[in-house]
């Protein structure tokens, strides 16, 4: 899944994964399988897989509805859930529709409970290489493993050769692994409590 910002809780994730090649074990992500590959034209597909304790319908809804997004990925989401519709999200509790810092992704293909395809159409200010990232397409596949088990395969297609795409690939290798892990936890523990998740962490040595 594509992330436009790097909140403080992702910094250590990005550092740990920045230099990992495709198919390598990912420190800190035991539930993630990396099946990334290079296409014949040199483009890379960043492909991560995870199994979650949810029906395909519920797993699909986590990506296809605003309430679904807010239950695991972001504290703020509004949008139009349909082909051609735009989902607008933010990592801020005080975000409002239309804020310049919000993230916008447009759905470009949709098969209920089976497949979602979307592309970024607005990145926040200061996001690195937004034009290059706008060329990357996110494909999310849902494979039922049972009535309450689904395999999710998230692919970022179109990471071309070059330093801009190298930087984006490294960023989202860690970011997407973190996000999919949070999705798995959402179905095991319940929706994320964003007020607690984003609350400032106090230094235990300070009073």
Protein backbone atom coordinates (compact mmCIF):
# COMPACT_ATOMS: atom_id res chain seq x y z
CA UNK A 1 0.00 0.00 0.00
CA UNK A 2 1.42 3.48 -0.90
CA UNK A 3 2.39 5.98 1.90
CA UNK A 4 2.99 9.64 1.17
CA UNK A 5 4.55 10.73 4.42
CA UNK A 6 7.03 9.24 6.88
CA UNK A 7 5.66 9.67 10.42
CA UNK A 8 8.10 9.20 13.26
CA UNK A 9 7.02 5.59 13.83
CA UNK A 10 8.15 4.69 10.30
CA UNK A 11 11.67 6.12 10.41
CA UNK A 12 13.25 3.06 11.99
CA UNK A 13 11.35 0.82 9.55
CA UNK A 14 12.70 2.69 6.53
CA UNK A 15 16.23 2.61 7.85
CA UNK A 16 16.10 -1.15 8.47
CA UNK A 17 14.71 -1.97 5.02
CA UNK A 18 16.46 0.63 2.87
CA UNK A 19 19.24 -1.66 1.66
CA UNK A 20 17.36 -4.97 1.41
CA UNK A 21 17.22 -6.66 -2.00
CA UNK A 22 14.01 -8.29 -3.26
CA UNK A 23 13.15 -11.66 -1.69
CA UNK A 24 15.37 -10.99 1.34
CA UNK A 25 14.08 -11.57 4.85
CA UNK A 26 12.66 -8.34 6.22
CA UNK A 27 13.79 -7.66 9.80
CA UNK A 28 10.83 -6.92 12.02
CA UNK A 29 8.23 -8.28 9.58
CA UNK A 30 7.97 -12.05 10.09
CA UNK A 31 4.51 -12.22 8.48
CA UNK A 32 5.57 -10.55 5.23
CA UNK A 33 6.71 -12.50 2.17
CA UNK A 34 8.61 -10.40 -0.38
CA UNK A 35 8.05 -11.71 -3.94
CA UNK A 36 9.29 -8.59 -5.75
CA UNK A 37 10.74 -8.98 -9.24
CA UNK A 38 12.28 -7.14 -12.19
CA UNK A 39 10.36 -7.01 -15.46
CA UNK A 40 11.90 -7.61 -18.89
CA UNK A 41 12.08 -3.86 -19.60
CA UNK A 42 14.00 -3.19 -16.38
CA UNK A 43 11.06 -1.86 -14.38
CA UNK A 44 10.67 -3.27 -10.88
CA UNK A 45 7.53 -4.52 -9.21
CA UNK A 46 7.53 -4.20 -5.42
CA UNK A 47 5.36 -7.13 -4.31
CA UNK A 48 4.60 -8.03 -0.70
CA UNK A 49 2.27 -10.75 0.60
CA UNK A 50 0.54 -11.32 3.93
CA UNK A 51 -2.24 -13.57 5.27
CA UNK A 52 -4.90 -11.99 7.48
CA UNK A 53 -7.66 -13.41 9.67
CA UNK A 54 -10.57 -11.92 7.73
CA UNK A 55 -12.92 -12.85 4.93
CA UNK A 56 -12.08 -11.56 1.46
CA UNK A 57 -15.09 -9.25 1.76
CA UNK A 58 -13.81 -7.68 4.98
CA UNK A 59 -10.23 -7.48 3.71
CA UNK A 60 -11.43 -5.78 0.54
CA UNK A 61 -13.50 -3.30 2.56
CA UNK A 62 -10.35 -2.29 4.46
CA UNK A 63 -9.04 -0.82 1.18
CA UNK A 64 -12.32 0.13 -0.49
CA UNK A 65 -14.15 2.18 2.19
CA UNK A 66 -13.24 5.23 4.23
CA UNK A 67 -14.11 3.47 7.47
CA UNK A 68 -11.96 0.58 6.38
CA UNK A 69 -8.95 2.83 5.78
CA UNK A 70 -9.41 4.51 9.15
CA UNK A 71 -9.50 1.18 10.95
CA UNK A 72 -5.86 0.40 10.18
CA UNK A 73 -4.04 2.77 7.80
CA UNK A 74 -4.77 6.42 8.61
CA UNK A 75 -6.80 8.42 11.16
CA UNK A 76 -8.48 10.54 8.46
CA UNK A 77 -10.16 9.37 5.23
CA UNK A 78 -12.91 10.68 2.97
CA UNK A 79 -13.72 9.79 -0.59
CA UNK A 80 -15.76 8.26 -3.35
CA UNK A 81 -15.54 4.46 -3.36
CA UNK A 82 -15.89 3.57 -7.04
CA UNK A 83 -13.86 3.25 -10.23
CA UNK A 84 -12.64 6.76 -10.97
CA UNK A 85 -13.33 7.87 -7.41
CA UNK A 86 -10.67 9.48 -5.23
CA UNK A 87 -9.84 8.52 -1.64
CA UNK A 88 -8.32 11.36 0.38
CA UNK A 89 -6.33 10.45 3.49
CA UNK A 90 -3.98 11.96 6.07
CA UNK A 91 -1.90 10.91 9.05
CA UNK A 92 -3.18 13.83 11.12
CA UNK A 93 -6.08 13.64 13.55
CA UNK A 94 -7.07 17.25 12.74
CA UNK A 95 -7.06 16.86 8.94
CA UNK A 96 -9.95 18.26 6.91
CA UNK A 97 -11.12 17.53 3.36
CA UNK A 98 -9.16 19.56 0.86
CA UNK A 99 -6.11 20.19 3.06
CA UNK A 100 -3.02 20.61 0.89
CA UNK A 101 -1.13 18.13 3.00
CA UNK A 102 -3.62 15.33 2.35
CA UNK A 103 -2.88 12.30 0.18
CA UNK A 104 -5.15 11.51 -2.78
CA UNK A 105 -5.32 8.18 -4.58
CA UNK A 106 -7.65 7.41 -7.46
CA UNK A 107 -9.23 3.98 -7.97
CA UNK A 108 -8.67 2.83 -11.54
CA UNK A 109 -9.90 -0.78 -11.38
CA UNK A 110 -12.25 -2.57 -9.00
CA UNK A 111 -13.44 -6.17 -8.67
CA UNK A 112 -15.38 -6.55 -5.40
CA UNK A 113 -13.63 -8.81 -2.89
CA UNK A 114 -10.95 -9.71 -5.48
CA UNK A 115 -8.93 -6.77 -6.81
CA UNK A 116 -8.28 -3.05 -6.34
CA UNK A 117 -5.98 -0.87 -8.45
CA UNK A 118 -5.18 2.75 -7.61
CA UNK A 119 -2.69 5.50 -8.38
CA UNK A 120 -1.53 8.55 -6.45
CA UNK A 121 -2.84 11.86 -7.80
CA UNK A 122 -1.74 14.16 -4.97
CA UNK A 123 1.22 13.89 -2.64
CA UNK A 124 1.83 16.27 0.28
CA UNK A 125 4.20 19.21 -0.06
CA UNK A 126 7.87 18.25 0.15
CA UNK A 127 7.19 14.62 -0.76
CA UNK A 128 10.23 13.40 -2.75
CA UNK A 129 9.74 12.79 -6.48
CA UNK A 130 5.93 13.13 -6.68
CA UNK A 131 5.86 13.03 -10.49
CA UNK A 132 7.78 9.77 -10.59
CA UNK A 133 5.57 8.27 -7.90
CA UNK A 134 2.48 9.25 -9.89
CA UNK A 135 3.65 6.73 -12.49
CA UNK A 136 3.58 3.84 -10.00
CA UNK A 137 0.33 1.84 -9.91
CA UNK A 138 -0.73 -0.05 -6.78
CA UNK A 139 -2.44 -3.40 -7.30
CA UNK A 140 -4.02 -5.20 -4.33
CA UNK A 141 -5.23 -8.79 -4.80
CA UNK A 142 -7.40 -10.74 -2.36
CA UNK A 143 -7.22 -14.55 -2.36
CA UNK A 144 -9.65 -16.37 -0.04
CA UNK A 145 -7.96 -19.06 2.05
CA UNK A 146 -11.12 -19.90 4.00
CA UNK A 147 -14.24 -18.22 5.39
CA UNK A 148 -12.14 -16.05 7.71
CA UNK A 149 -8.71 -16.06 6.08
CA UNK A 150 -7.41 -14.09 3.10
CA UNK A 151 -4.06 -13.76 1.37
CA UNK A 152 -3.37 -10.17 0.34
CA UNK A 153 -0.78 -9.44 -2.34
CA UNK A 154 0.15 -5.78 -2.73
CA UNK A 155 2.16 -4.85 -5.82
CA UNK A 156 3.66 -1.50 -6.74
CA UNK A 157 4.09 -1.64 -10.51
CA UNK A 158 6.27 0.72 -12.54
CA UNK A 159 9.40 1.47 -10.52
CA UNK A 160 11.63 2.35 -13.46
CA UNK A 161 15.45 2.31 -13.35
CA UNK A 162 17.03 5.47 -11.95
CA UNK A 163 17.84 7.21 -8.66
CA UNK A 164 14.37 8.75 -8.12
CA UNK A 165 12.64 5.38 -8.40
CA UNK A 166 15.40 3.76 -6.32
CA UNK A 167 14.61 6.16 -3.46
CA UNK A 168 10.85 5.59 -3.78
CA UNK A 169 11.26 1.82 -3.91
CA UNK A 170 13.30 1.77 -0.71
CA UNK A 171 10.79 4.04 1.03
CA UNK A 172 7.78 1.93 0.15
CA UNK A 173 9.46 -1.41 0.70
CA UNK A 174 9.53 -0.60 4.40
CA UNK A 175 6.38 1.51 4.46
CA UNK A 176 4.17 -1.07 2.76
CA UNK A 177 5.52 -3.88 4.96
CA UNK A 178 4.69 -1.80 8.03
CA UNK A 179 1.20 -1.03 6.69
CA UNK A 180 0.36 -4.64 5.87
CA UNK A 181 1.51 -5.68 9.32
CA UNK A 182 -0.84 -3.07 10.83
CA UNK A 183 -3.65 -4.47 8.67
CA UNK A 184 -3.03 -7.98 10.01
CA UNK A 185 -3.04 -6.61 13.56
CA UNK A 186 -6.31 -4.77 12.88
CA UNK A 187 -8.08 -8.08 12.24
CA UNK A 188 -6.46 -9.72 15.25
CA UNK A 189 -6.83 -6.91 17.80
CA UNK A 190 -9.48 -4.56 16.44
CA UNK A 191 -9.29 -1.11 14.82
CA UNK A 192 -6.34 1.16 15.57
CA UNK A 193 -6.81 3.69 18.37
CA UNK A 194 -5.29 6.62 16.51
CA UNK A 195 -5.32 9.03 19.44
CA UNK A 196 -3.11 6.62 21.34
CA UNK A 197 -1.04 5.68 18.29
CA UNK A 198 -0.17 9.28 17.45
CA UNK A 199 0.14 10.62 20.98
CA UNK A 200 3.58 12.10 21.77
CA UNK A 201 5.85 9.51 23.30
CA UNK A 202 7.31 10.75 26.60
CA UNK A 203 10.94 10.18 27.47
CA UNK A 204 10.87 7.96 30.61
CA UNK A 205 13.89 9.89 31.88
CA UNK A 206 11.97 13.15 31.89
CA UNK A 207 9.29 14.32 34.30
